[in-house]
Amino acid sequence: MRERRRGRQAKCPAAVSEKTRLPAAFCEFGRVLRNIVLVGFMGCGKSSVGRRLAGLTGHRFLDTDELIVEKCGQPISEIFATKGEAAFRDLETAELRELRGVCGIILATGGGIVLREENQAILRELGAVAWLDASPDLLFERVSRNQKRPLLQTENPRRTFDALLESRRSIYESAADFRVDSTGLGHDETAQLVLEECRRFEAGRIRG
């Protein structure tokens, strides 16, 4: 996995709905940029960076959490409270399966989506997988702004946060094609770095 601090695109099958089956607009050297998938721990900025990447590439922005909320008609915190984490993870996997074959997207994912090996395989199938990371203190400061994080509704949120982050870091590393550390960077700068790394990764993939 390549780390950075500072192609061909799959055809879209006719069965994919018009809601997600939009053409990619960003081309380099006669090739259409593949999908970009963003993974990482809560607070790393996947949605914010993803929207900026969509603006840079002309791809459509999608968020697995938003897709689940739209389909279920419930916020994520309520799904966790009423159905449990396992049911939520099933919903994540179902959404990823539906995205197979979809082209021209920037996909932001939930922090725990990489916990299932099936999900990791689908993410790699969908496009280049970027791990957004940052310092633990910065990540916790960001997530502390949202009091509805279901996995942090504990007696000691920081201890829970640190334990979860430590348990997942190696999983993000194995699931991603490259890592971008956004510590000290704004969302626009991070999006530019992700795009640069994606170009490098795709160039290497095509040559290899």
N, C-alpha and C. Protein backbone atom coordinates (compact mmCIF):
# COMPACT_ATOMS: atom_id res chain seq x y z
N MET A 1 0.83 -1.19 0.00
CA MET A 1 0.00 0.00 0.00
C MET A 1 0.87 1.24 0.00
N ARG A 2 0.61 2.16 -0.91
CA ARG A 2 1.35 3.40 -1.01
C ARG A 2 0.83 4.39 0.03
N GLU A 3 1.74 5.19 0.59
CA GLU A 3 1.35 6.20 1.57
C GLU A 3 1.74 7.57 1.08
N ARG A 4 0.86 8.56 1.32
CA ARG A 4 1.16 9.94 0.94
C ARG A 4 0.61 10.87 2.01
N ARG A 5 1.45 11.81 2.48
CA ARG A 5 1.01 12.75 3.51
C ARG A 5 0.53 14.05 2.89
N ARG A 6 1.30 14.83 2.57
CA ARG A 6 0.89 16.17 2.17
C ARG A 6 -0.55 16.24 1.80
N GLY A 7 -6.50 2.53 -17.31
CA GLY A 7 -7.58 2.25 -16.75
C GLY A 7 -8.80 2.19 -17.58
N ARG A 8 -8.79 1.61 -17.00
CA ARG A 8 -10.06 1.44 -17.72
C ARG A 8 -11.18 1.42 -16.73
N GLN A 9 -12.36 1.87 -17.17
CA GLN A 9 -13.52 1.90 -16.30
C GLN A 9 -14.48 0.78 -16.67
N ALA A 10 -15.00 0.13 -15.63
CA ALA A 10 -15.95 -0.95 -15.90
C ALA A 10 -17.21 -0.40 -16.56
N LYS A 11 -17.76 -1.17 -17.49
CA LYS A 11 -19.00 -0.75 -18.11
C LYS A 11 -20.13 -0.76 -17.10
N CYS A 12 -21.07 0.16 -17.29
CA CYS A 12 -22.22 0.23 -16.40
C CYS A 12 -23.33 -0.64 -16.96
N PRO A 13 -23.73 -1.69 -16.27
CA PRO A 13 -24.79 -2.56 -16.78
C PRO A 13 -26.11 -1.82 -16.84
N ALA A 14 -26.94 -2.20 -17.79
CA ALA A 14 -28.23 -1.54 -17.97
C ALA A 14 -29.11 -1.67 -16.76
N ALA A 15 -28.89 -2.71 -15.95
CA ALA A 15 -29.75 -2.94 -14.79
C ALA A 15 -29.53 -1.92 -13.68
N VAL A 16 -28.41 -1.20 -13.71
CA VAL A 16 -28.15 -0.23 -12.66
C VAL A 16 -29.04 0.97 -12.85
N SER A 17 -29.66 1.47 -11.78
CA SER A 17 -30.61 2.56 -11.88
C SER A 17 -29.95 3.83 -12.34
N GLU A 18 -30.74 4.72 -12.95
CA GLU A 18 -30.23 6.01 -13.40
C GLU A 18 -29.77 6.86 -12.23
N LYS A 19 -30.24 6.55 -11.05
CA LYS A 19 -29.84 7.32 -9.86
C LYS A 19 -28.33 7.27 -9.67
N THR A 20 -27.71 6.15 -9.97
CA THR A 20 -26.27 6.01 -9.75
C THR A 20 -25.49 5.78 -11.04
N ARG A 21 -26.17 5.50 -12.14
CA ARG A 21 -25.47 5.17 -13.36
C ARG A 21 -25.23 6.43 -14.20
N LEU A 22 -24.30 7.26 -13.75
CA LEU A 22 -23.95 8.46 -14.48
C LEU A 22 -22.53 8.32 -15.02
N PRO A 23 -22.28 8.90 -16.20
CA PRO A 23 -20.95 8.75 -16.80
C PRO A 23 -19.89 9.54 -16.06
N ALA A 24 -18.67 9.02 -16.08
CA ALA A 24 -17.55 9.76 -15.51
C ALA A 24 -17.16 10.87 -16.46
N ALA A 25 -16.74 12.02 -15.91
CA ALA A 25 -16.39 13.16 -16.74
C ALA A 25 -14.90 13.44 -16.76
N PHE A 26 -14.14 12.81 -15.89
CA PHE A 26 -12.73 13.14 -15.73
C PHE A 26 -11.87 12.16 -16.52
N CYS A 27 -11.10 12.67 -17.48
CA CYS A 27 -10.28 11.81 -18.32
C CYS A 27 -8.84 12.29 -18.31
N GLU A 28 -7.92 11.35 -18.40
CA GLU A 28 -6.51 11.66 -18.54
C GLU A 28 -5.91 10.69 -19.53
N PHE A 29 -5.14 11.23 -20.50
CA PHE A 29 -4.45 10.41 -21.48
C PHE A 29 -5.42 9.45 -22.18
N GLY A 30 -6.64 9.93 -22.42
CA GLY A 30 -7.62 9.13 -23.13
C GLY A 30 -8.31 8.08 -22.30
N ARG A 31 -8.01 8.04 -21.01
CA ARG A 31 -8.64 7.04 -20.13
C ARG A 31 -9.58 7.72 -19.15
N VAL A 32 -10.70 7.08 -18.89
CA VAL A 32 -11.63 7.61 -17.90
C VAL A 32 -11.17 7.18 -16.51
N LEU A 33 -11.16 8.12 -15.58
CA LEU A 33 -10.75 7.81 -14.21
C LEU A 33 -11.73 6.84 -13.57
N ARG A 34 -11.21 5.80 -12.98
CA ARG A 34 -12.07 4.83 -12.30
C ARG A 34 -12.72 5.46 -11.07
N ASN A 35 -13.63 4.72 -10.48
CA ASN A 35 -14.21 5.13 -9.21
C ASN A 35 -13.13 5.28 -8.15
N ILE A 36 -13.38 6.16 -7.19
CA ILE A 36 -12.52 6.28 -6.02
C ILE A 36 -13.35 5.96 -4.79
N VAL A 37 -12.84 5.05 -3.97
CA VAL A 37 -13.53 4.62 -2.75
C VAL A 37 -12.74 5.13 -1.55
N LEU A 38 -13.42 5.79 -0.62
CA LEU A 38 -12.77 6.34 0.56
C LEU A 38 -13.13 5.51 1.78
N VAL A 39 -12.10 5.02 2.46
CA VAL A 39 -12.29 4.29 3.72
C VAL A 39 -11.50 5.00 4.81
N GLY A 40 -11.83 4.71 6.05
CA GLY A 40 -11.10 5.31 7.15
C GLY A 40 -11.97 5.42 8.39
N PHE A 41 -11.33 5.74 9.50
CA PHE A 41 -12.02 5.80 10.78
C PHE A 41 -12.94 7.01 10.85
N MET A 42 -13.88 6.96 11.76
CA MET A 42 -14.79 8.08 11.95
C MET A 42 -13.99 9.36 12.21
N GLY A 43 -14.44 10.45 11.59
CA GLY A 43 -13.78 11.73 11.78
C GLY A 43 -12.67 12.02 10.79
N CYS A 44 -12.39 11.10 9.86
CA CYS A 44 -11.28 11.33 8.93
C CYS A 44 -11.67 12.22 7.77
N GLY A 45 -12.97 12.51 7.61
CA GLY A 45 -13.40 13.44 6.58
C GLY A 45 -13.80 12.81 5.27
N LYS A 46 -14.24 11.56 5.27
CA LYS A 46 -14.56 10.88 4.02
C LYS A 46 -15.64 11.60 3.22
N SER A 47 -16.71 12.02 3.89
CA SER A 47 -17.80 12.68 3.17
C SER A 47 -17.38 14.05 2.64
N SER A 48 -16.71 14.84 3.47
CA SER A 48 -16.29 16.17 3.04
C SER A 48 -15.27 16.11 1.91
N VAL A 49 -14.28 15.24 2.06
CA VAL A 49 -13.27 15.07 1.02
C VAL A 49 -13.91 14.47 -0.23
N GLY A 50 -14.82 13.54 -0.04
CA GLY A 50 -15.47 12.91 -1.18
C GLY A 50 -16.24 13.89 -2.04
N ARG A 51 -16.94 14.82 -1.40
CA ARG A 51 -17.68 15.83 -2.17
C ARG A 51 -16.73 16.72 -2.96
N ARG A 52 -15.59 17.04 -2.40
CA ARG A 52 -14.60 17.84 -3.12
C ARG A 52 -13.98 17.05 -4.26
N LEU A 53 -13.76 15.76 -4.06
CA LEU A 53 -13.27 14.93 -5.16
C LEU A 53 -14.28 14.85 -6.29
N ALA A 54 -15.54 14.80 -5.95
CA ALA A 54 -16.58 14.78 -6.98
C ALA A 54 -16.51 16.06 -7.81
N GLY A 55 -16.28 17.19 -7.14
CA GLY A 55 -16.15 18.45 -7.87
C GLY A 55 -14.92 18.48 -8.76
N LEU A 56 -13.83 17.87 -8.33
CA LEU A 56 -12.60 17.86 -9.10
C LEU A 56 -12.68 16.94 -10.32
N THR A 57 -13.41 15.85 -10.18
CA THR A 57 -13.41 14.81 -11.22
C THR A 57 -14.64 14.80 -12.10
N GLY A 58 -15.74 15.39 -11.64
CA GLY A 58 -16.99 15.26 -12.37
C GLY A 58 -17.73 13.97 -12.05
N HIS A 59 -17.15 13.16 -11.18
CA HIS A 59 -17.83 11.94 -10.75
C HIS A 59 -18.98 12.31 -9.80
N ARG A 60 -19.88 11.37 -9.63
CA ARG A 60 -20.99 11.57 -8.70
C ARG A 60 -20.59 11.11 -7.30
N PHE A 61 -20.97 11.89 -6.29
CA PHE A 61 -20.65 11.52 -4.91
C PHE A 61 -21.75 10.67 -4.32
N LEU A 62 -21.35 9.55 -3.71
CA LEU A 62 -22.27 8.68 -2.98
C LEU A 62 -21.68 8.36 -1.62
N ASP A 63 -22.54 8.15 -0.65
CA ASP A 63 -22.14 7.83 0.72
C ASP A 63 -22.96 6.64 1.18
N THR A 64 -22.29 5.57 1.59
CA THR A 64 -23.04 4.37 1.97
C THR A 64 -23.99 4.63 3.14
N ASP A 65 -23.57 5.46 4.10
CA ASP A 65 -24.45 5.77 5.21
C ASP A 65 -25.71 6.49 4.72
N GLU A 66 -25.53 7.43 3.80
CA GLU A 66 -26.69 8.16 3.27
C GLU A 66 -27.61 7.24 2.49
N LEU A 67 -27.03 6.30 1.74
CA LEU A 67 -27.85 5.35 1.00
C LEU A 67 -28.68 4.48 1.94
N ILE A 68 -28.07 4.07 3.05
CA ILE A 68 -28.79 3.26 4.03
C ILE A 68 -29.90 4.05 4.69
N VAL A 69 -29.61 5.27 5.08
CA VAL A 69 -30.63 6.13 5.71
C VAL A 69 -31.80 6.35 4.76
N GLU A 70 -31.49 6.60 3.50
CA GLU A 70 -32.55 6.82 2.51
C GLU A 70 -33.42 5.58 2.34
N LYS A 71 -32.78 4.43 2.29
CA LYS A 71 -33.54 3.19 2.08
C LYS A 71 -34.36 2.81 3.30
N CYS A 72 -33.79 2.98 4.51
CA CYS A 72 -34.46 2.53 5.73
C CYS A 72 -35.39 3.58 6.33
N GLY A 73 -35.16 4.85 5.99
CA GLY A 73 -35.96 5.90 6.57
C GLY A 73 -35.66 6.13 8.04
N GLN A 74 -34.45 5.74 8.47
CA GLN A 74 -34.02 5.91 9.86
C GLN A 74 -32.59 6.44 9.90
N PRO A 75 -32.26 7.28 10.87
CA PRO A 75 -30.86 7.68 11.03
C PRO A 75 -30.03 6.49 11.49
N ILE A 76 -28.71 6.57 11.26
CA ILE A 76 -27.81 5.47 11.61
C ILE A 76 -27.90 5.14 13.10
N SER A 77 -27.95 6.17 13.95
CA SER A 77 -28.01 5.92 15.39
C SER A 77 -29.25 5.13 15.77
N GLU A 78 -30.35 5.38 15.09
CA GLU A 78 -31.59 4.66 15.38
C GLU A 78 -31.53 3.22 14.89
N ILE A 79 -30.87 3.01 13.75
CA ILE A 79 -30.71 1.64 13.24
C ILE A 79 -29.89 0.82 14.22
N PHE A 80 -28.80 1.40 14.74
CA PHE A 80 -27.99 0.71 15.73
C PHE A 80 -28.81 0.40 16.98
N ALA A 81 -29.61 1.37 17.43
CA ALA A 81 -30.36 1.21 18.68
C ALA A 81 -31.48 0.20 18.56
N THR A 82 -32.15 0.14 17.40
CA THR A 82 -33.32 -0.72 17.26
C THR A 82 -33.02 -2.08 16.64
N LYS A 83 -31.98 -2.13 15.78
CA LYS A 83 -31.71 -3.38 15.06
C LYS A 83 -30.35 -3.99 15.41
N GLY A 84 -29.45 -3.18 15.97
CA GLY A 84 -28.14 -3.69 16.36
C GLY A 84 -27.09 -3.50 15.29
N GLU A 85 -25.83 -3.61 15.70
CA GLU A 85 -24.73 -3.38 14.77
C GLU A 85 -24.68 -4.42 13.66
N ALA A 86 -24.96 -5.68 13.99
CA ALA A 86 -24.89 -6.73 12.96
C ALA A 86 -25.86 -6.46 11.82
N ALA A 87 -27.06 -5.99 12.16
CA ALA A 87 -28.05 -5.67 11.13
C ALA A 87 -27.57 -4.51 10.27
N PHE A 88 -26.94 -3.53 10.91
CA PHE A 88 -26.41 -2.40 10.15
C PHE A 88 -25.32 -2.86 9.19
N ARG A 89 -24.46 -3.75 9.65
CA ARG A 89 -23.39 -4.26 8.79
C ARG A 89 -23.98 -5.03 7.59
N ASP A 90 -25.08 -5.73 7.82
CA ASP A 90 -25.76 -6.41 6.70
C ASP A 90 -26.25 -5.40 5.67
N LEU A 91 -26.77 -4.27 6.16
CA LEU A 91 -27.24 -3.22 5.25
C LEU A 91 -26.10 -2.63 4.44
N GLU A 92 -24.93 -2.46 5.08
CA GLU A 92 -23.76 -1.95 4.36
C GLU A 92 -23.38 -2.89 3.23
N THR A 93 -23.33 -4.18 3.54
CA THR A 93 -22.95 -5.16 2.52
C THR A 93 -23.95 -5.17 1.37
N ALA A 94 -25.23 -5.07 1.70
CA ALA A 94 -26.27 -5.05 0.67
C ALA A 94 -26.10 -3.84 -0.26
N GLU A 95 -25.78 -2.69 0.30
CA GLU A 95 -25.57 -1.50 -0.52
C GLU A 95 -24.36 -1.67 -1.44
N LEU A 96 -23.28 -2.23 -0.92
CA LEU A 96 -22.10 -2.44 -1.76
C LEU A 96 -22.41 -3.40 -2.91
N ARG A 97 -23.15 -4.44 -2.64
CA ARG A 97 -23.50 -5.38 -3.70
C ARG A 97 -24.27 -4.69 -4.82
N GLU A 98 -25.14 -3.76 -4.45
CA GLU A 98 -25.92 -3.05 -5.45
C GLU A 98 -25.08 -2.09 -6.28
N LEU A 99 -23.94 -1.70 -5.76
CA LEU A 99 -23.08 -0.76 -6.48
C LEU A 99 -22.13 -1.44 -7.46
N ARG A 100 -22.11 -2.74 -7.47
CA ARG A 100 -21.25 -3.46 -8.41
C ARG A 100 -21.59 -3.04 -9.84
N GLY A 101 -20.58 -2.68 -10.61
CA GLY A 101 -20.80 -2.29 -12.00
C GLY A 101 -21.10 -0.82 -12.20
N VAL A 102 -21.31 -0.09 -11.11
CA VAL A 102 -21.61 1.34 -11.23
C VAL A 102 -20.31 2.09 -11.51
N CYS A 103 -20.36 3.03 -12.43
CA CYS A 103 -19.15 3.76 -12.79
C CYS A 103 -19.35 5.26 -12.57
N GLY A 104 -18.22 5.98 -12.52
CA GLY A 104 -18.27 7.42 -12.40
C GLY A 104 -18.69 7.91 -11.04
N ILE A 105 -18.19 7.28 -9.95
CA ILE A 105 -18.59 7.69 -8.61
C ILE A 105 -17.38 7.87 -7.69
N ILE A 106 -17.57 8.74 -6.72
CA ILE A 106 -16.71 8.84 -5.54
C ILE A 106 -17.54 8.27 -4.40
N LEU A 107 -17.06 7.23 -3.75
CA LEU A 107 -17.85 6.56 -2.72
C LEU A 107 -17.21 6.73 -1.35
N ALA A 108 -17.93 7.41 -0.45
CA ALA A 108 -17.53 7.49 0.95
C ALA A 108 -18.21 6.36 1.70
N THR A 109 -17.49 5.73 2.62
CA THR A 109 -18.02 4.56 3.32
C THR A 109 -18.01 4.77 4.82
N GLY A 110 -18.76 3.95 5.53
CA GLY A 110 -18.76 3.98 6.98
C GLY A 110 -17.45 3.44 7.53
N GLY A 111 -17.09 3.88 8.74
CA GLY A 111 -15.80 3.51 9.31
C GLY A 111 -15.60 2.02 9.52
N GLY A 112 -16.69 1.27 9.70
CA GLY A 112 -16.57 -0.16 9.96
C GLY A 112 -16.83 -1.04 8.76
N ILE A 113 -16.96 -0.44 7.59
CA ILE A 113 -17.32 -1.24 6.42
C ILE A 113 -16.24 -2.25 6.04
N VAL A 114 -15.00 -1.99 6.44
CA VAL A 114 -13.90 -2.89 6.08
C VAL A 114 -13.81 -4.11 6.99
N LEU A 115 -14.67 -4.20 7.99
CA LEU A 115 -14.59 -5.30 8.95
C LEU A 115 -14.95 -6.65 8.32
N ARG A 116 -15.70 -6.62 7.23
CA ARG A 116 -16.07 -7.86 6.55
C ARG A 116 -15.20 -8.05 5.32
N GLU A 117 -14.67 -9.25 5.17
CA GLU A 117 -13.81 -9.53 4.02
C GLU A 117 -14.57 -9.40 2.71
N GLU A 118 -15.85 -9.78 2.70
CA GLU A 118 -16.63 -9.62 1.48
C GLU A 118 -16.68 -8.15 1.07
N ASN A 119 -16.88 -7.27 2.05
CA ASN A 119 -16.93 -5.84 1.75
C ASN A 119 -15.60 -5.36 1.17
N GLN A 120 -14.49 -5.82 1.75
CA GLN A 120 -13.19 -5.40 1.23
C GLN A 120 -13.03 -5.81 -0.23
N ALA A 121 -13.47 -7.00 -0.56
CA ALA A 121 -13.36 -7.48 -1.94
C ALA A 121 -14.20 -6.62 -2.88
N ILE A 122 -15.40 -6.26 -2.46
CA ILE A 122 -16.26 -5.45 -3.32
C ILE A 122 -15.68 -4.05 -3.48
N LEU A 123 -15.14 -3.48 -2.39
CA LEU A 123 -14.54 -2.15 -2.47
C LEU A 123 -13.43 -2.12 -3.51
N ARG A 124 -12.56 -3.15 -3.51
CA ARG A 124 -11.47 -3.20 -4.48
C ARG A 124 -12.01 -3.36 -5.90
N GLU A 125 -13.11 -4.09 -6.01
CA GLU A 125 -13.74 -4.29 -7.31
C GLU A 125 -14.32 -2.97 -7.83
N LEU A 126 -14.82 -2.15 -6.92
CA LEU A 126 -15.47 -0.90 -7.32
C LEU A 126 -14.48 0.13 -7.85
N GLY A 127 -13.28 0.20 -7.27
CA GLY A 127 -12.34 1.21 -7.73
C GLY A 127 -11.09 1.27 -6.88
N ALA A 128 -10.35 2.37 -7.01
CA ALA A 128 -9.16 2.58 -6.20
C ALA A 128 -9.58 2.93 -4.78
N VAL A 129 -9.00 2.24 -3.81
CA VAL A 129 -9.42 2.40 -2.41
C VAL A 129 -8.39 3.27 -1.67
N ALA A 130 -8.85 4.42 -1.20
CA ALA A 130 -7.98 5.36 -0.48
C ALA A 130 -8.33 5.34 1.01
N TRP A 131 -7.30 5.16 1.83
CA TRP A 131 -7.47 5.23 3.29
C TRP A 131 -7.17 6.65 3.75
N LEU A 132 -8.19 7.35 4.22
CA LEU A 132 -8.00 8.67 4.81
C LEU A 132 -7.69 8.50 6.29
N ASP A 133 -6.59 9.10 6.72
CA ASP A 133 -6.15 8.96 8.09
C ASP A 133 -5.78 10.32 8.66
N ALA A 134 -5.60 10.40 9.96
CA ALA A 134 -5.17 11.62 10.64
C ALA A 134 -4.72 11.22 12.03
N SER A 135 -4.15 12.16 12.77
CA SER A 135 -3.69 11.86 14.12
C SER A 135 -4.89 11.49 15.00
N PRO A 136 -4.70 10.60 15.98
CA PRO A 136 -5.80 10.22 16.87
C PRO A 136 -6.46 11.42 17.55
N ASP A 137 -5.66 12.39 17.99
CA ASP A 137 -6.23 13.56 18.68
C ASP A 137 -7.14 14.35 17.74
N LEU A 138 -6.71 14.52 16.50
CA LEU A 138 -7.53 15.26 15.54
C LEU A 138 -8.81 14.49 15.23
N LEU A 139 -8.70 13.18 15.04
CA LEU A 139 -9.90 12.38 14.75
C LEU A 139 -10.90 12.46 15.90
N PHE A 140 -10.39 12.35 17.14
CA PHE A 140 -11.31 12.39 18.27
C PHE A 140 -11.93 13.77 18.42
N GLU A 141 -11.17 14.81 18.17
CA GLU A 141 -11.72 16.17 18.25
C GLU A 141 -12.87 16.33 17.26
N ARG A 142 -12.71 15.78 16.08
CA ARG A 142 -13.76 15.88 15.07
C ARG A 142 -15.01 15.10 15.46
N VAL A 143 -14.82 13.85 15.91
CA VAL A 143 -15.99 13.03 16.23
C VAL A 143 -16.71 13.53 17.48
N SER A 144 -16.00 14.24 18.33
CA SER A 144 -16.62 14.76 19.56
C SER A 144 -17.66 15.83 19.26
N ARG A 145 -17.62 16.38 18.05
CA ARG A 145 -18.62 17.37 17.67
C ARG A 145 -19.99 16.74 17.43
N ASN A 146 -19.99 15.44 17.22
CA ASN A 146 -21.23 14.72 16.94
C ASN A 146 -21.55 13.80 18.11
N GLN A 147 -22.56 14.13 18.87
CA GLN A 147 -22.91 13.35 20.06
C GLN A 147 -23.74 12.10 19.74
N LYS A 148 -24.00 11.85 18.45
CA LYS A 148 -24.87 10.74 18.07
C LYS A 148 -24.10 9.54 17.52
N ARG A 149 -22.79 9.55 17.67
CA ARG A 149 -22.02 8.40 17.19
C ARG A 149 -22.38 7.17 18.00
N PRO A 150 -23.04 6.17 17.41
CA PRO A 150 -23.54 5.03 18.20
C PRO A 150 -22.45 4.23 18.91
N LEU A 151 -21.29 4.09 18.30
CA LEU A 151 -20.25 3.27 18.91
C LEU A 151 -19.53 3.98 20.04
N LEU A 152 -19.80 5.27 20.22
CA LEU A 152 -19.13 6.02 21.28
C LEU A 152 -20.07 6.37 22.44
N GLN A 153 -21.23 5.75 22.46
CA GLN A 153 -22.16 5.97 23.57
C GLN A 153 -21.76 5.08 24.74
N THR A 154 -20.62 5.40 25.34
CA THR A 154 -20.08 4.61 26.43
C THR A 154 -19.68 5.52 27.58
N GLU A 155 -19.29 4.91 28.68
CA GLU A 155 -18.91 5.68 29.86
C GLU A 155 -17.64 6.50 29.62
N ASN A 156 -16.72 5.95 28.84
CA ASN A 156 -15.47 6.64 28.53
C ASN A 156 -15.29 6.65 27.01
N PRO A 157 -15.85 7.66 26.31
CA PRO A 157 -15.79 7.67 24.85
C PRO A 157 -14.37 7.67 24.30
N ARG A 158 -13.44 8.39 24.94
CA ARG A 158 -12.08 8.43 24.40
C ARG A 158 -11.41 7.07 24.48
N ARG A 159 -11.61 6.37 25.57
CA ARG A 159 -11.03 5.03 25.69
C ARG A 159 -11.62 4.10 24.62
N THR A 160 -12.93 4.19 24.43
CA THR A 160 -13.58 3.38 23.40
C THR A 160 -13.05 3.75 22.02
N PHE A 161 -12.92 5.04 21.77
CA PHE A 161 -12.41 5.53 20.50
C PHE A 161 -11.02 4.98 20.22
N ASP A 162 -10.12 5.11 21.19
CA ASP A 162 -8.73 4.66 21.01
C ASP A 162 -8.66 3.15 20.75
N ALA A 163 -9.47 2.39 21.47
CA ALA A 163 -9.47 0.94 21.30
C ALA A 163 -9.97 0.55 19.90
N LEU A 164 -11.04 1.21 19.46
CA LEU A 164 -11.58 0.92 18.14
C LEU A 164 -10.58 1.28 17.05
N LEU A 165 -9.97 2.46 17.17
CA LEU A 165 -9.01 2.89 16.17
C LEU A 165 -7.83 1.93 16.08
N GLU A 166 -7.31 1.54 17.22
CA GLU A 166 -6.17 0.62 17.23
C GLU A 166 -6.53 -0.72 16.59
N SER A 167 -7.74 -1.19 16.84
CA SER A 167 -8.15 -2.50 16.32
C SER A 167 -8.38 -2.47 14.81
N ARG A 168 -8.61 -1.28 14.26
CA ARG A 168 -8.95 -1.20 12.84
C ARG A 168 -7.81 -0.74 11.94
N ARG A 169 -6.77 -0.17 12.49
CA ARG A 169 -5.74 0.42 11.65
C ARG A 169 -5.14 -0.59 10.67
N SER A 170 -4.84 -1.78 11.16
CA SER A 170 -4.24 -2.79 10.27
C SER A 170 -5.24 -3.24 9.20
N ILE A 171 -6.52 -3.18 9.53
CA ILE A 171 -7.54 -3.57 8.55
C ILE A 171 -7.63 -2.53 7.44
N TYR A 172 -7.61 -1.24 7.81
CA TYR A 172 -7.61 -0.20 6.78
C TYR A 172 -6.38 -0.35 5.88
N GLU A 173 -5.24 -0.64 6.49
CA GLU A 173 -4.00 -0.75 5.73
C GLU A 173 -4.09 -1.87 4.71
N SER A 174 -4.64 -2.99 5.11
CA SER A 174 -4.73 -4.13 4.19
C SER A 174 -5.82 -3.94 3.13
N ALA A 175 -6.84 -3.17 3.47
CA ALA A 175 -7.97 -2.98 2.55
C ALA A 175 -7.68 -1.93 1.48
N ALA A 176 -6.79 -0.97 1.78
CA ALA A 176 -6.60 0.19 0.91
C ALA A 176 -5.45 0.00 -0.08
N ASP A 177 -5.55 0.72 -1.18
CA ASP A 177 -4.47 0.75 -2.16
C ASP A 177 -3.41 1.78 -1.78
N PHE A 178 -3.80 2.82 -1.06
CA PHE A 178 -2.85 3.83 -0.60
C PHE A 178 -3.47 4.59 0.57
N ARG A 179 -2.61 5.28 1.32
CA ARG A 179 -3.02 6.03 2.51
C ARG A 179 -2.69 7.50 2.34
N VAL A 180 -3.60 8.37 2.78
CA VAL A 180 -3.36 9.81 2.78
C VAL A 180 -3.58 10.32 4.20
N ASP A 181 -2.56 10.93 4.78
CA ASP A 181 -2.64 11.50 6.12
C ASP A 181 -3.07 12.95 6.00
N SER A 182 -4.23 13.27 6.54
CA SER A 182 -4.78 14.62 6.40
C SER A 182 -4.49 15.52 7.60
N THR A 183 -3.65 15.07 8.52
CA THR A 183 -3.31 15.88 9.68
C THR A 183 -2.72 17.22 9.22
N GLY A 184 -3.31 18.30 9.68
CA GLY A 184 -2.82 19.62 9.32
C GLY A 184 -3.27 20.11 7.96
N LEU A 185 -4.09 19.34 7.26
CA LEU A 185 -4.55 19.71 5.93
C LEU A 185 -6.04 20.02 5.93
N GLY A 186 -6.46 20.90 5.04
CA GLY A 186 -7.88 21.15 4.84
C GLY A 186 -8.46 20.10 3.91
N HIS A 187 -9.77 20.10 3.79
CA HIS A 187 -10.43 19.10 2.94
C HIS A 187 -10.04 19.26 1.47
N ASP A 188 -9.88 20.50 1.01
CA ASP A 188 -9.49 20.72 -0.38
C ASP A 188 -8.11 20.15 -0.66
N GLU A 189 -7.16 20.40 0.25
CA GLU A 189 -5.80 19.87 0.09
C GLU A 189 -5.80 18.35 0.12
N THR A 190 -6.59 17.79 1.02
CA THR A 190 -6.65 16.33 1.12
C THR A 190 -7.22 15.73 -0.15
N ALA A 191 -8.25 16.35 -0.70
CA ALA A 191 -8.84 15.84 -1.94
C ALA A 191 -7.82 15.86 -3.07
N GLN A 192 -7.02 16.92 -3.15
CA GLN A 192 -5.99 17.00 -4.18
C GLN A 192 -4.97 15.87 -4.03
N LEU A 193 -4.58 15.60 -2.77
CA LEU A 193 -3.62 14.53 -2.53
C LEU A 193 -4.18 13.16 -2.90
N VAL A 194 -5.44 12.94 -2.55
CA VAL A 194 -6.08 11.68 -2.92
C VAL A 194 -6.07 11.51 -4.43
N LEU A 195 -6.39 12.56 -5.15
CA LEU A 195 -6.43 12.48 -6.61
C LEU A 195 -5.05 12.21 -7.18
N GLU A 196 -4.03 12.86 -6.64
CA GLU A 196 -2.65 12.61 -7.09
C GLU A 196 -2.26 11.15 -6.86
N GLU A 197 -2.57 10.64 -5.67
CA GLU A 197 -2.21 9.26 -5.37
C GLU A 197 -3.00 8.28 -6.23
N CYS A 198 -4.24 8.62 -6.52
CA CYS A 198 -5.05 7.76 -7.38
C CYS A 198 -4.45 7.70 -8.78
N ARG A 199 -3.98 8.84 -9.28
CA ARG A 199 -3.32 8.86 -10.59
C ARG A 199 -2.10 7.95 -10.60
N ARG A 200 -1.29 8.05 -9.54
CA ARG A 200 -0.10 7.21 -9.46
C ARG A 200 -0.46 5.73 -9.39
N PHE A 201 -1.45 5.43 -8.56
CA PHE A 201 -1.86 4.04 -8.42
C PHE A 201 -2.38 3.48 -9.74
N GLU A 202 -3.22 4.24 -10.43
CA GLU A 202 -3.79 3.78 -11.69
C GLU A 202 -2.71 3.62 -12.75
N ALA A 203 -1.73 4.54 -12.78
CA ALA A 203 -0.65 4.43 -13.74
C ALA A 203 0.16 3.16 -13.50
N GLY A 204 0.44 2.87 -12.24
CA GLY A 204 1.17 1.65 -11.91
C GLY A 204 0.37 0.40 -12.24
N ARG A 205 -0.92 0.46 -12.00
CA ARG A 205 -1.78 -0.70 -12.28
C ARG A 205 -1.81 -0.99 -13.78
N ILE A 206 -1.89 0.06 -14.59
CA ILE A 206 -1.96 -0.13 -16.03
C ILE A 206 -0.63 -0.64 -16.57
N ARG A 207 0.48 -0.08 -16.06
CA ARG A 207 1.80 -0.53 -16.51
C ARG A 207 2.07 -1.97 -16.08
N GLY A 208 1.57 -2.30 -14.85
CA GLY A 208 1.85 -3.62 -14.31
C GLY A 208 1.04 -4.71 -14.96
